[in-house]
């Protein structure tokens, strides 16, 4: 999961600071999510899913299909 959110961020050419701003958290907190040093709260997972237009299952690495189910 942690690698996936880093890969999504990098694929979108964003900095940790830019993503943290979208999530209303500090860059350090977001960095801890990417490093697996802090569990990602459900509300943050939902925000990341909406921000990147991918499913929560994709972020959690339960699927390799990024599409959101309709």
N, C-alpha and C. Protein backbone atom coordinates (compact mmCIF):
# COMPACT_ATOMS: atom_id res chain seq x y z
N UNK A 1 0.83 -1.19 0.00
CA UNK A 1 0.00 0.00 0.00
C UNK A 1 0.87 1.25 0.00
N UNK A 2 1.92 1.24 0.77
CA UNK A 2 2.74 2.44 0.92
C UNK A 2 3.46 2.77 -0.39
N UNK A 3 3.94 1.73 -1.05
CA UNK A 3 4.61 1.95 -2.33
C UNK A 3 3.60 2.45 -3.37
N UNK A 4 2.39 1.95 -3.29
CA UNK A 4 1.37 2.34 -4.27
C UNK A 4 1.06 3.84 -4.19
N UNK A 5 0.93 4.39 -2.97
CA UNK A 5 0.62 5.82 -2.89
C UNK A 5 1.81 6.67 -3.34
N UNK A 6 3.00 6.19 -3.10
CA UNK A 6 4.18 6.90 -3.61
C UNK A 6 4.20 6.86 -5.14
N UNK A 7 3.94 5.68 -5.71
CA UNK A 7 3.93 5.54 -7.16
C UNK A 7 2.85 6.42 -7.79
N UNK A 8 1.67 6.47 -7.19
CA UNK A 8 0.60 7.32 -7.71
C UNK A 8 1.04 8.79 -7.72
N UNK A 9 1.63 9.20 -6.61
CA UNK A 9 2.09 10.59 -6.51
C UNK A 9 3.15 10.90 -7.57
N UNK A 10 4.12 10.01 -7.70
CA UNK A 10 5.19 10.23 -8.67
C UNK A 10 4.66 10.17 -10.10
N UNK A 11 3.71 9.27 -10.38
CA UNK A 11 3.12 9.17 -11.72
C UNK A 11 2.40 10.46 -12.11
N UNK A 12 1.92 11.19 -11.11
CA UNK A 12 1.23 12.46 -11.36
C UNK A 12 2.17 13.67 -11.23
N UNK A 13 3.46 13.39 -11.10
CA UNK A 13 4.48 14.45 -10.98
C UNK A 13 4.16 15.44 -9.87
N UNK A 14 3.79 14.91 -8.71
CA UNK A 14 3.46 15.74 -7.56
C UNK A 14 4.50 15.56 -6.46
N UNK A 15 4.64 16.59 -5.65
CA UNK A 15 5.51 16.49 -4.47
C UNK A 15 4.68 16.01 -3.28
N UNK A 16 5.37 15.56 -2.26
CA UNK A 16 4.66 15.19 -1.03
C UNK A 16 3.91 16.38 -0.46
N UNK A 17 4.50 17.55 -0.56
CA UNK A 17 3.87 18.76 -0.05
C UNK A 17 2.56 19.05 -0.78
N UNK A 18 2.54 18.87 -2.09
CA UNK A 18 1.33 19.11 -2.86
C UNK A 18 0.21 18.15 -2.47
N UNK A 19 0.54 16.88 -2.30
CA UNK A 19 -0.47 15.90 -1.92
C UNK A 19 -0.93 16.16 -0.48
N UNK A 20 0.00 16.45 0.39
CA UNK A 20 -0.35 16.75 1.79
C UNK A 20 -1.33 17.91 1.87
N UNK A 21 -1.13 18.91 1.05
CA UNK A 21 -2.04 20.06 1.03
C UNK A 21 -3.44 19.63 0.64
N UNK A 22 -3.57 18.75 -0.34
CA UNK A 22 -4.88 18.23 -0.75
C UNK A 22 -5.56 17.44 0.37
N UNK A 23 -4.73 16.80 1.20
CA UNK A 23 -5.25 15.96 2.29
C UNK A 23 -5.41 16.73 3.60
N UNK A 24 -5.03 17.99 3.59
CA UNK A 24 -5.07 18.82 4.80
C UNK A 24 -4.23 18.23 5.94
N UNK A 25 -3.02 17.81 5.58
CA UNK A 25 -2.08 17.32 6.59
C UNK A 25 -0.71 17.89 6.26
N UNK A 26 0.24 17.69 7.15
CA UNK A 26 1.58 18.20 6.91
C UNK A 26 2.34 17.26 5.96
N UNK A 27 3.39 17.80 5.37
CA UNK A 27 4.24 16.98 4.50
C UNK A 27 4.85 15.84 5.30
N UNK A 28 5.21 16.09 6.55
CA UNK A 28 5.82 15.04 7.38
C UNK A 28 4.85 13.90 7.64
N UNK A 29 3.60 14.23 7.92
CA UNK A 29 2.59 13.18 8.14
C UNK A 29 2.42 12.37 6.86
N UNK A 30 2.31 13.06 5.73
CA UNK A 30 2.16 12.34 4.47
C UNK A 30 3.38 11.47 4.19
N UNK A 31 4.57 11.98 4.44
CA UNK A 31 5.79 11.21 4.26
C UNK A 31 5.74 9.93 5.09
N UNK A 32 5.24 10.04 6.32
CA UNK A 32 5.12 8.87 7.18
C UNK A 32 4.15 7.84 6.59
N UNK A 33 3.09 8.30 5.91
CA UNK A 33 2.19 7.36 5.23
C UNK A 33 2.95 6.61 4.14
N UNK A 34 3.70 7.33 3.33
CA UNK A 34 4.44 6.70 2.24
C UNK A 34 5.51 5.73 2.74
N UNK A 35 6.09 6.03 3.86
CA UNK A 35 7.15 5.17 4.42
C UNK A 35 6.60 4.02 5.25
N UNK A 36 5.28 4.00 5.46
CA UNK A 36 4.68 2.94 6.27
C UNK A 36 4.93 3.11 7.75
N UNK A 37 5.31 4.31 8.15
CA UNK A 37 5.58 4.58 9.56
C UNK A 37 4.34 5.03 10.31
N UNK A 38 3.26 5.23 9.57
CA UNK A 38 2.00 5.68 10.17
C UNK A 38 0.87 5.05 9.38
N UNK A 39 -0.10 4.48 10.09
CA UNK A 39 -1.27 3.91 9.41
C UNK A 39 -2.06 5.02 8.75
N UNK A 40 -2.61 4.71 7.58
CA UNK A 40 -3.40 5.69 6.85
C UNK A 40 -4.85 5.57 7.30
N UNK A 41 -5.40 6.64 7.87
CA UNK A 41 -6.80 6.60 8.31
C UNK A 41 -7.76 6.42 7.12
N UNK A 42 -8.91 5.88 7.40
CA UNK A 42 -9.91 5.62 6.37
C UNK A 42 -10.27 6.87 5.60
N UNK A 43 -10.44 7.99 6.30
CA UNK A 43 -10.82 9.22 5.59
C UNK A 43 -9.73 9.67 4.62
N UNK A 44 -8.48 9.43 4.96
CA UNK A 44 -7.38 9.79 4.06
C UNK A 44 -7.36 8.85 2.85
N UNK A 45 -7.63 7.56 3.07
CA UNK A 45 -7.71 6.62 1.95
C UNK A 45 -8.79 7.05 0.96
N UNK A 46 -9.92 7.48 1.49
CA UNK A 46 -11.02 7.92 0.64
C UNK A 46 -10.62 9.18 -0.13
N UNK A 47 -9.95 10.11 0.53
CA UNK A 47 -9.49 11.32 -0.15
C UNK A 47 -8.48 10.99 -1.24
N UNK A 48 -7.54 10.09 -0.95
CA UNK A 48 -6.56 9.69 -1.95
C UNK A 48 -7.24 9.03 -3.14
N UNK A 49 -8.22 8.18 -2.87
CA UNK A 49 -8.96 7.51 -3.93
C UNK A 49 -9.64 8.53 -4.84
N UNK A 50 -10.30 9.50 -4.25
CA UNK A 50 -10.98 10.54 -5.04
C UNK A 50 -9.96 11.41 -5.78
N UNK A 51 -8.88 11.77 -5.13
CA UNK A 51 -7.87 12.64 -5.72
C UNK A 51 -7.24 12.01 -6.96
N UNK A 52 -6.92 10.72 -6.87
CA UNK A 52 -6.26 10.04 -7.98
C UNK A 52 -7.25 9.32 -8.92
N UNK A 53 -8.52 9.34 -8.57
CA UNK A 53 -9.57 8.67 -9.37
C UNK A 53 -9.28 7.18 -9.52
N UNK A 54 -8.94 6.57 -8.40
CA UNK A 54 -8.72 5.12 -8.35
C UNK A 54 -9.52 4.56 -7.18
N UNK A 55 -9.70 3.26 -7.16
CA UNK A 55 -10.45 2.65 -6.06
C UNK A 55 -9.58 2.54 -4.80
N UNK A 56 -10.24 2.48 -3.68
CA UNK A 56 -9.53 2.24 -2.42
C UNK A 56 -8.87 0.86 -2.47
N UNK A 57 -9.54 -0.11 -3.08
CA UNK A 57 -8.95 -1.45 -3.23
C UNK A 57 -7.62 -1.39 -3.97
N UNK A 58 -7.53 -0.51 -4.96
CA UNK A 58 -6.27 -0.35 -5.70
C UNK A 58 -5.18 0.21 -4.78
N UNK A 59 -5.51 1.22 -4.00
CA UNK A 59 -4.53 1.80 -3.07
C UNK A 59 -4.09 0.76 -2.05
N UNK A 60 -5.04 -0.07 -1.59
CA UNK A 60 -4.73 -1.10 -0.59
C UNK A 60 -4.06 -2.33 -1.20
N UNK A 61 -3.85 -2.30 -2.52
CA UNK A 61 -3.22 -3.40 -3.26
C UNK A 61 -4.04 -4.69 -3.20
N UNK A 62 -5.37 -4.54 -3.11
CA UNK A 62 -6.25 -5.70 -3.17
C UNK A 62 -6.57 -6.05 -4.62
N UNK A 63 -6.26 -5.13 -5.53
CA UNK A 63 -6.44 -5.34 -6.96
C UNK A 63 -5.37 -4.52 -7.69
N UNK A 64 -5.08 -4.96 -8.90
CA UNK A 64 -4.17 -4.18 -9.74
C UNK A 64 -4.95 -3.35 -10.74
N UNK A 65 -6.28 -3.41 -10.66
CA UNK A 65 -7.13 -2.63 -11.53
C UNK A 65 -7.47 -1.32 -10.82
N UNK A 66 -7.00 -0.19 -11.33
CA UNK A 66 -7.23 1.09 -10.65
C UNK A 66 -8.65 1.62 -10.79
N UNK A 67 -9.45 1.02 -11.66
CA UNK A 67 -10.79 1.54 -11.93
C UNK A 67 -11.69 1.47 -10.70
N UNK A 68 -12.47 2.51 -10.55
CA UNK A 68 -13.49 2.53 -9.50
C UNK A 68 -14.69 1.78 -10.01
N UNK A 69 -15.21 0.86 -9.20
CA UNK A 69 -16.39 0.10 -9.60
C UNK A 69 -17.61 1.00 -9.65
N UNK A 70 -18.43 0.77 -10.65
CA UNK A 70 -19.65 1.56 -10.80
C UNK A 70 -20.83 0.82 -10.23
